[in-house]
């Protein structure tokens, strides 16, 4: 397996986020002019940027490493006992939501005091003023795109492909992977600390157990639950 240099690891973690946030920043004003919420712009980025970008990168890596399929790029294929896997996933999801709740006041302070220069739609995406139909459509798309597709591809790319190729970082690999993955979310700078704290245990366990399924199930579970809870925004 090809091991990435530290510089290459950093670049490979961050450049997709730069492209995503560029699309989000440029497209959202047009979505707003059309009377559509910024969330829909971000979801469009998943379709237009995330899916093709990760697949193209992984396919190029497959060719460079002379693999028959993208699946062969992934070395974290250990199968955990079902009960152990369920226990890990459930515990990680509960932990992540607790961290989110505890750090939310700090995120608000960061958003208001440090990121005051960003437009409001960039920091706080809500549905105030939109029709129930538009909100419902957005939330349904969010459930599919952000609940399943995006986290699945992110785990394949960040934990399945990049993390095993970070041996140059030694035992700090899962920590660095977590930090860089958090920073990759350039469109959510106000929750960087939340992401780092909430996702480190998951990354560490994926690295320790060599089970990518653990990361996929946890990440998808978090996003799906978050997407379902969002339906409470419909009045």
C-alpha atoms as a PDB file:
ATOM      1  CA  UNK A   1       0.000   0.000   0.000  1.00  0.00           C
ATOM      2  CA  UNK A   2       1.333   3.426  -0.966  1.00  0.00           C
ATOM      3  CA  UNK A   3       1.941   5.651   2.046  1.00  0.00           C
ATOM      4  CA  UNK A   4       1.306   9.378   1.664  1.00  0.00           C
ATOM      5  CA  UNK A   5       3.772  12.009   2.790  1.00  0.00           C
ATOM      6  CA  UNK A   6       2.532  14.316   5.536  1.00  0.00           C
ATOM      7  CA  UNK A   7       2.095  17.152   3.044  1.00  0.00           C
ATOM      8  CA  UNK A   8       0.130  14.946   0.658  1.00  0.00           C
ATOM      9  CA  UNK A   9      -2.086  13.770   3.528  1.00  0.00           C
ATOM     10  CA  UNK A  10      -2.893  17.362   4.451  1.00  0.00           C
ATOM     11  CA  UNK A  11      -3.639  18.326   0.849  1.00  0.00           C
ATOM     12  CA  UNK A  12      -5.788  15.256   0.186  1.00  0.00           C
ATOM     13  CA  UNK A  13      -7.826  15.929   3.336  1.00  0.00           C
ATOM     14  CA  UNK A  14      -8.436  19.610   2.698  1.00  0.00           C
ATOM     15  CA  UNK A  15      -8.710  20.248  -1.036  1.00  0.00           C
ATOM     16  CA  UNK A  16     -12.184  18.654  -1.436  1.00  0.00           C
ATOM     17  CA  UNK A  17     -13.524  20.994   1.244  1.00  0.00           C
ATOM     18  CA  UNK A  18     -12.094  24.026  -0.535  1.00  0.00           C
ATOM     19  CA  UNK A  19     -13.887  23.075  -3.744  1.00  0.00           C
ATOM     20  CA  UNK A  20     -17.127  22.361  -1.888  1.00  0.00           C
ATOM     21  CA  UNK A  21     -17.096  25.684  -0.018  1.00  0.00           C
ATOM     22  CA  UNK A  22     -16.257  27.542  -3.227  1.00  0.00           C
ATOM     23  CA  UNK A  23     -19.331  26.058  -4.882  1.00  0.00           C
ATOM     24  CA  UNK A  24     -21.450  26.764  -1.792  1.00  0.00           C
ATOM     25  CA  UNK A  25     -20.260  30.368  -1.511  1.00  0.00           C
ATOM     26  CA  UNK A  26     -20.812  31.139  -5.183  1.00  0.00           C
ATOM     27  CA  UNK A  27     -24.114  29.310  -5.668  1.00  0.00           C
ATOM     28  CA  UNK A  28     -26.011  30.204  -2.490  1.00  0.00           C
ATOM     29  CA  UNK A  29     -26.721  33.870  -3.414  1.00  0.00           C
ATOM     30  CA  UNK A  30     -28.406  32.611  -6.598  1.00  0.00           C
ATOM     31  CA  UNK A  31     -30.443  30.074  -4.637  1.00  0.00           C
ATOM     32  CA  UNK A  32     -31.568  32.869  -2.299  1.00  0.00           C
ATOM     33  CA  UNK A  33     -32.616  35.024  -5.266  1.00  0.00           C
ATOM     34  CA  UNK A  34     -34.747  32.123  -6.486  1.00  0.00           C
ATOM     35  CA  UNK A  35     -36.416  31.912  -3.076  1.00  0.00           C
ATOM     36  CA  UNK A  36     -34.636  28.685  -2.144  1.00  0.00           C
ATOM     37  CA  UNK A  37     -32.914  28.006   1.208  1.00  0.00           C
ATOM     38  CA  UNK A  38     -29.103  27.827   1.518  1.00  0.00           C
ATOM     39  CA  UNK A  39     -29.446  24.229   2.695  1.00  0.00           C
ATOM     40  CA  UNK A  40     -30.531  23.319  -0.830  1.00  0.00           C
ATOM     41  CA  UNK A  41     -27.375  24.907  -2.202  1.00  0.00           C
ATOM     42  CA  UNK A  42     -25.255  22.751   0.125  1.00  0.00           C
ATOM     43  CA  UNK A  43     -27.167  19.639  -0.873  1.00  0.00           C
ATOM     44  CA  UNK A  44     -26.584  20.477  -4.523  1.00  0.00           C
ATOM     45  CA  UNK A  45     -22.877  20.632  -3.731  1.00  0.00           C
ATOM     46  CA  UNK A  46     -23.062  16.984  -2.643  1.00  0.00           C
ATOM     47  CA  UNK A  47     -24.441  16.034  -6.054  1.00  0.00           C
ATOM     48  CA  UNK A  48     -22.255  18.331  -8.151  1.00  0.00           C
ATOM     49  CA  UNK A  49     -18.988  18.268  -6.169  1.00  0.00           C
ATOM     50  CA  UNK A  50     -18.791  15.595  -3.463  1.00  0.00           C
ATOM     51  CA  UNK A  51     -19.896  12.524  -5.412  1.00  0.00           C
ATOM     52  CA  UNK A  52     -17.865  13.102  -8.601  1.00  0.00           C
ATOM     53  CA  UNK A  53     -14.811  14.494  -6.778  1.00  0.00           C
ATOM     54  CA  UNK A  54     -14.374  11.579  -4.383  1.00  0.00           C
ATOM     55  CA  UNK A  55     -15.093   8.995  -7.064  1.00  0.00           C
ATOM     56  CA  UNK A  56     -12.610  10.574  -9.487  1.00  0.00           C
ATOM     57  CA  UNK A  57      -9.898  10.771  -6.813  1.00  0.00           C
ATOM     58  CA  UNK A  58     -10.462   7.202  -5.663  1.00  0.00           C
ATOM     59  CA  UNK A  59     -10.482   5.929  -9.229  1.00  0.00           C
ATOM     60  CA  UNK A  60      -7.184   7.691  -9.945  1.00  0.00           C
ATOM     61  CA  UNK A  61      -5.719   6.203  -6.758  1.00  0.00           C
ATOM     62  CA  UNK A  62      -6.931   2.780  -7.891  1.00  0.00           C
ATOM     63  CA  UNK A  63      -5.059   3.157 -11.156  1.00  0.00           C
ATOM     64  CA  UNK A  64      -1.869   4.415  -9.465  1.00  0.00           C
ATOM     65  CA  UNK A  65      -1.858   1.529  -6.998  1.00  0.00           C
ATOM     66  CA  UNK A  66      -2.806  -0.923  -9.754  1.00  0.00           C
ATOM     67  CA  UNK A  67      -5.974  -2.127  -8.046  1.00  0.00           C
ATOM     68  CA  UNK A  68      -8.858  -3.802  -9.840  1.00  0.00           C
ATOM     69  CA  UNK A  69     -11.505  -1.801  -7.978  1.00  0.00           C
ATOM     70  CA  UNK A  70     -11.925   1.028  -5.489  1.00  0.00           C
ATOM     71  CA  UNK A  71     -12.896  -1.581  -2.909  1.00  0.00           C
ATOM     72  CA  UNK A  72      -9.335  -2.939  -3.051  1.00  0.00           C
ATOM     73  CA  UNK A  73      -7.983   0.435  -1.872  1.00  0.00           C
ATOM     74  CA  UNK A  74      -9.603  -0.203   1.511  1.00  0.00           C
ATOM     75  CA  UNK A  75      -7.626  -2.264   3.998  1.00  0.00           C
ATOM     76  CA  UNK A  76      -9.842  -1.713   7.042  1.00  0.00           C
ATOM     77  CA  UNK A  77     -12.089  -4.680   6.304  1.00  0.00           C
ATOM     78  CA  UNK A  78     -12.152  -6.423   9.690  1.00  0.00           C
ATOM     79  CA  UNK A  79     -15.561  -7.816  10.633  1.00  0.00           C
ATOM     80  CA  UNK A  80     -16.474  -7.051  14.231  1.00  0.00           C
ATOM     81  CA  UNK A  81     -18.927  -9.282  16.144  1.00  0.00           C
ATOM     82  CA  UNK A  82     -22.435  -7.896  15.600  1.00  0.00           C
ATOM     83  CA  UNK A  83     -23.094  -7.115  19.259  1.00  0.00           C
ATOM     84  CA  UNK A  84     -19.752  -5.340  19.592  1.00  0.00           C
ATOM     85  CA  UNK A  85     -20.335  -3.341  16.409  1.00  0.00           C
ATOM     86  CA  UNK A  86     -23.817  -2.259  17.518  1.00  0.00           C
ATOM     87  CA  UNK A  87     -22.501  -1.322  20.956  1.00  0.00           C
ATOM     88  CA  UNK A  88     -19.693   0.792  19.522  1.00  0.00           C
ATOM     89  CA  UNK A  89     -21.978   2.550  17.034  1.00  0.00           C
ATOM     90  CA  UNK A  90     -24.663   3.299  19.623  1.00  0.00           C
ATOM     91  CA  UNK A  91     -22.118   4.585  22.140  1.00  0.00           C
ATOM     92  CA  UNK A  92     -20.373   6.771  19.577  1.00  0.00           C
ATOM     93  CA  UNK A  93     -23.655   8.291  18.394  1.00  0.00           C
ATOM     94  CA  UNK A  94     -24.781   9.093  21.938  1.00  0.00           C
ATOM     95  CA  UNK A  95     -21.361  10.580  22.727  1.00  0.00           C
ATOM     96  CA  UNK A  96     -21.400  12.751  19.587  1.00  0.00           C
ATOM     97  CA  UNK A  97     -24.845  14.172  20.364  1.00  0.00           C
ATOM     98  CA  UNK A  98     -23.824  14.896  23.960  1.00  0.00           C
ATOM     99  CA  UNK A  99     -20.750  16.762  22.700  1.00  0.00           C
ATOM    100  CA  UNK A 100     -22.892  18.721  20.250  1.00  0.00           C
ATOM    101  CA  UNK A 101     -25.288  19.746  23.007  1.00  0.00           C
ATOM    102  CA  UNK A 102     -22.540  20.748  25.423  1.00  0.00           C
ATOM    103  CA  UNK A 103     -20.533  22.734  22.864  1.00  0.00           C
ATOM    104  CA  UNK A 104     -23.505  24.464  21.210  1.00  0.00           C
ATOM    105  CA  UNK A 105     -23.275  27.600  23.435  1.00  0.00           C
ATOM    106  CA  UNK A 106     -19.579  27.920  22.552  1.00  0.00           C
ATOM    107  CA  UNK A 107     -20.391  27.498  18.858  1.00  0.00           C
ATOM    108  CA  UNK A 108     -22.836  30.387  19.097  1.00  0.00           C
ATOM    109  CA  UNK A 109     -20.169  32.582  20.702  1.00  0.00           C
ATOM    110  CA  UNK A 110     -17.644  31.650  18.000  1.00  0.00           C
ATOM    111  CA  UNK A 111     -20.225  32.392  15.318  1.00  0.00           C
ATOM    112  CA  UNK A 112     -21.185  35.785  16.755  1.00  0.00           C
ATOM    113  CA  UNK A 113     -17.809  37.014  18.019  1.00  0.00           C
ATOM    114  CA  UNK A 114     -15.243  35.512  15.634  1.00  0.00           C
ATOM    115  CA  UNK A 115     -17.209  34.850  12.473  1.00  0.00           C
ATOM    116  CA  UNK A 116     -19.381  37.975  12.519  1.00  0.00           C
ATOM    117  CA  UNK A 117     -17.977  38.975   9.119  1.00  0.00           C
ATOM    118  CA  UNK A 118     -19.555  35.991   7.365  1.00  0.00           C
ATOM    119  CA  UNK A 119     -23.053  36.365   5.856  1.00  0.00           C
ATOM    120  CA  UNK A 120     -25.816  35.056   8.094  1.00  0.00           C
ATOM    121  CA  UNK A 121     -26.841  32.324   5.615  1.00  0.00           C
ATOM    122  CA  UNK A 122     -23.295  30.929   5.816  1.00  0.00           C
ATOM    123  CA  UNK A 123     -23.321  30.527   9.589  1.00  0.00           C
ATOM    124  CA  UNK A 124     -26.955  29.904  10.522  1.00  0.00           C
ATOM    125  CA  UNK A 125     -29.067  28.089   7.976  1.00  0.00           C
ATOM    126  CA  UNK A 126     -32.719  28.152   8.938  1.00  0.00           C
ATOM    127  CA  UNK A 127     -36.062  27.927   7.150  1.00  0.00           C
ATOM    128  CA  UNK A 128     -37.629  31.190   8.301  1.00  0.00           C
ATOM    129  CA  UNK A 129     -39.859  32.612   5.573  1.00  0.00           C
ATOM    130  CA  UNK A 130     -39.938  29.519   3.350  1.00  0.00           C
ATOM    131  CA  UNK A 131     -43.070  27.576   2.455  1.00  0.00           C
ATOM    132  CA  UNK A 132     -43.763  24.179   4.011  1.00  0.00           C
ATOM    133  CA  UNK A 133     -43.455  22.575   0.576  1.00  0.00           C
ATOM    134  CA  UNK A 134     -39.943  23.935  -0.002  1.00  0.00           C
ATOM    135  CA  UNK A 135     -38.913  22.981   3.538  1.00  0.00           C
ATOM    136  CA  UNK A 136     -40.277  19.451   3.154  1.00  0.00           C
ATOM    137  CA  UNK A 137     -38.559  18.916  -0.202  1.00  0.00           C
ATOM    138  CA  UNK A 138     -35.270  20.224   1.200  1.00  0.00           C
ATOM    139  CA  UNK A 139     -35.483  17.986   4.262  1.00  0.00           C
ATOM    140  CA  UNK A 140     -36.293  14.890   2.182  1.00  0.00           C
ATOM    141  CA  UNK A 141     -33.327  15.567  -0.097  1.00  0.00           C
ATOM    142  CA  UNK A 142     -31.222  16.176   3.009  1.00  0.00           C
ATOM    143  CA  UNK A 143     -32.229  12.783   4.434  1.00  0.00           C
ATOM    144  CA  UNK A 144     -30.987  11.009   1.306  1.00  0.00           C
ATOM    145  CA  UNK A 145     -27.973  13.103   0.316  1.00  0.00           C
ATOM    146  CA  UNK A 146     -26.653  14.210   3.704  1.00  0.00           C
ATOM    147  CA  UNK A 147     -27.992  11.264   5.663  1.00  0.00           C
ATOM    148  CA  UNK A 148     -26.669   8.465   3.469  1.00  0.00           C
ATOM    149  CA  UNK A 149     -24.682   9.409   0.366  1.00  0.00           C
ATOM    150  CA  UNK A 150     -22.307  12.059   1.735  1.00  0.00           C
ATOM    151  CA  UNK A 151     -21.288  10.268   4.975  1.00  0.00           C
ATOM    152  CA  UNK A 152     -20.841   6.967   3.135  1.00  0.00           C
ATOM    153  CA  UNK A 153     -18.494   8.541   0.576  1.00  0.00           C
ATOM    154  CA  UNK A 154     -16.684  10.553   3.240  1.00  0.00           C
ATOM    155  CA  UNK A 155     -15.966   7.421   5.271  1.00  0.00           C
ATOM    156  CA  UNK A 156     -14.738   5.564   2.184  1.00  0.00           C
ATOM    157  CA  UNK A 157     -12.437   8.480   1.339  1.00  0.00           C
ATOM    158  CA  UNK A 158     -11.238   9.733   4.739  1.00  0.00           C
ATOM    159  CA  UNK A 159     -11.225   6.577   6.864  1.00  0.00           C
ATOM    160  CA  UNK A 160     -11.110   3.869   4.209  1.00  0.00           C
ATOM    161  CA  UNK A 161      -8.576   5.426   1.853  1.00  0.00           C
ATOM    162  CA  UNK A 162      -6.620   8.199   3.623  1.00  0.00           C
ATOM    163  CA  UNK A 163      -6.317   6.937   7.218  1.00  0.00           C
ATOM    164  CA  UNK A 164      -4.534   3.643   6.369  1.00  0.00           C
ATOM    165  CA  UNK A 165      -2.028   5.658   4.307  1.00  0.00           C
ATOM    166  CA  UNK A 166      -1.024   7.893   7.244  1.00  0.00           C
ATOM    167  CA  UNK A 167       1.625   5.677   8.848  1.00  0.00           C
ATOM    168  CA  UNK A 168       4.056   8.613   8.661  1.00  0.00           C
ATOM    169  CA  UNK A 169       2.014  10.161  11.483  1.00  0.00           C
ATOM    170  CA  UNK A 170       2.521   7.110  13.719  1.00  0.00           C
ATOM    171  CA  UNK A 171       0.057   6.793  16.608  1.00  0.00           C
ATOM    172  CA  UNK A 172      -1.104  10.358  15.969  1.00  0.00           C
ATOM    173  CA  UNK A 173      -2.708   9.281  12.680  1.00  0.00           C
ATOM    174  CA  UNK A 174      -6.304   9.056  14.004  1.00  0.00           C
ATOM    175  CA  UNK A 175      -5.983  12.415  15.786  1.00  0.00           C
ATOM    176  CA  UNK A 176      -4.568  14.142  12.707  1.00  0.00           C
ATOM    177  CA  UNK A 177      -7.210  12.505  10.517  1.00  0.00           C
ATOM    178  CA  UNK A 178      -9.945  13.800  12.841  1.00  0.00           C
ATOM    179  CA  UNK A 179      -8.533  17.336  12.904  1.00  0.00           C
ATOM    180  CA  UNK A 180      -8.064  17.508   9.133  1.00  0.00           C
ATOM    181  CA  UNK A 181     -11.500  15.990   8.494  1.00  0.00           C
ATOM    182  CA  UNK A 182     -13.029  18.626  10.775  1.00  0.00           C
ATOM    183  CA  UNK A 183     -11.140  21.433   9.026  1.00  0.00           C
ATOM    184  CA  UNK A 184     -12.324  20.060   5.667  1.00  0.00           C
ATOM    185  CA  UNK A 185     -15.784  21.337   6.664  1.00  0.00           C
ATOM    186  CA  UNK A 186     -14.913  24.901   5.632  1.00  0.00           C
ATOM    187  CA  UNK A 187     -18.621  25.659   5.300  1.00  0.00           C
ATOM    188  CA  UNK A 188     -19.112  25.011   9.053  1.00  0.00           C
ATOM    189  CA  UNK A 189     -16.177  26.750  10.790  1.00  0.00           C
ATOM    190  CA  UNK A 190     -18.295  27.540  13.842  1.00  0.00           C
ATOM    191  CA  UNK A 191     -18.465  23.838  14.807  1.00  0.00           C
ATOM    192  CA  UNK A 192     -14.829  22.851  14.271  1.00  0.00           C
ATOM    193  CA  UNK A 193     -14.282  22.127  17.962  1.00  0.00           C
ATOM    194  CA  UNK A 194     -17.503  20.107  18.151  1.00  0.00           C
ATOM    195  CA  UNK A 195     -16.488  17.962  15.203  1.00  0.00           C
ATOM    196  CA  UNK A 196     -12.994  17.308  16.555  1.00  0.00           C
ATOM    197  CA  UNK A 197     -14.193  16.207  19.977  1.00  0.00           C
ATOM    198  CA  UNK A 198     -17.252  14.280  18.762  1.00  0.00           C
ATOM    199  CA  UNK A 199     -15.544  12.361  15.954  1.00  0.00           C
ATOM    200  CA  UNK A 200     -12.170  11.480  17.450  1.00  0.00           C
ATOM    201  CA  UNK A 201     -13.413   8.361  19.315  1.00  0.00           C
ATOM    202  CA  UNK A 202     -14.960   7.060  16.083  1.00  0.00           C
ATOM    203  CA  UNK A 203     -11.795   7.639  14.090  1.00  0.00           C
ATOM    204  CA  UNK A 204      -9.653   6.054  16.781  1.00  0.00           C
ATOM    205  CA  UNK A 205     -11.844   2.951  16.937  1.00  0.00           C
ATOM    206  CA  UNK A 206     -11.863   2.576  13.148  1.00  0.00           C
ATOM    207  CA  UNK A 207      -8.054   2.806  13.216  1.00  0.00           C
ATOM    208  CA  UNK A 208      -7.738   0.447  16.199  1.00  0.00           C
ATOM    209  CA  UNK A 209     -10.205  -2.197  15.018  1.00  0.00           C
ATOM    210  CA  UNK A 210      -9.459  -1.777  11.304  1.00  0.00           C
ATOM    211  CA  UNK A 211     -13.196  -1.837  10.689  1.00  0.00           C
ATOM    212  CA  UNK A 212     -14.457   0.735   8.191  1.00  0.00           C
ATOM    213  CA  UNK A 213     -18.023  -0.468   8.743  1.00  0.00           C
ATOM    214  CA  UNK A 214     -17.818   1.026  12.222  1.00  0.00           C
ATOM    215  CA  UNK A 215     -17.153   4.470  10.751  1.00  0.00           C
ATOM    216  CA  UNK A 216     -19.770   4.152   8.016  1.00  0.00           C
ATOM    217  CA  UNK A 217     -22.550   3.024  10.362  1.00  0.00           C
ATOM    218  CA  UNK A 218     -21.695   5.661  12.970  1.00  0.00           C
ATOM    219  CA  UNK A 219     -21.389   8.548  10.511  1.00  0.00           C
ATOM    220  CA  UNK A 220     -24.546   7.604   8.596  1.00  0.00           C
ATOM    221  CA  UNK A 221     -26.400   7.059  11.879  1.00  0.00           C
ATOM    222  CA  UNK A 222     -25.443  10.507  13.153  1.00  0.00           C
ATOM    223  CA  UNK A 223     -26.484  12.230   9.938  1.00  0.00           C
ATOM    224  CA  UNK A 224     -29.715  10.273   9.547  1.00  0.00           C
ATOM    225  CA  UNK A 225     -30.819  11.029  13.104  1.00  0.00           C
ATOM    226  CA  UNK A 226     -29.898  14.698  12.609  1.00  0.00           C
ATOM    227  CA  UNK A 227     -31.852  14.753   9.321  1.00  0.00           C
ATOM    228  CA  UNK A 228     -34.923  13.173  10.931  1.00  0.00           C
ATOM    229  CA  UNK A 229     -34.823  15.609  13.854  1.00  0.00           C
ATOM    230  CA  UNK A 230     -34.742  18.450  11.307  1.00  0.00           C
ATOM    231  CA  UNK A 231     -38.309  17.586  10.289  1.00  0.00           C
ATOM    232  CA  UNK A 232     -39.300  19.189  13.581  1.00  0.00           C
ATOM    233  CA  UNK A 233     -38.600  22.535  11.885  1.00  0.00           C
ATOM    234  CA  UNK A 234     -41.809  22.151   9.884  1.00  0.00           C
ATOM    235  CA  UNK A 235     -44.522  24.061  11.717  1.00  0.00           C
END
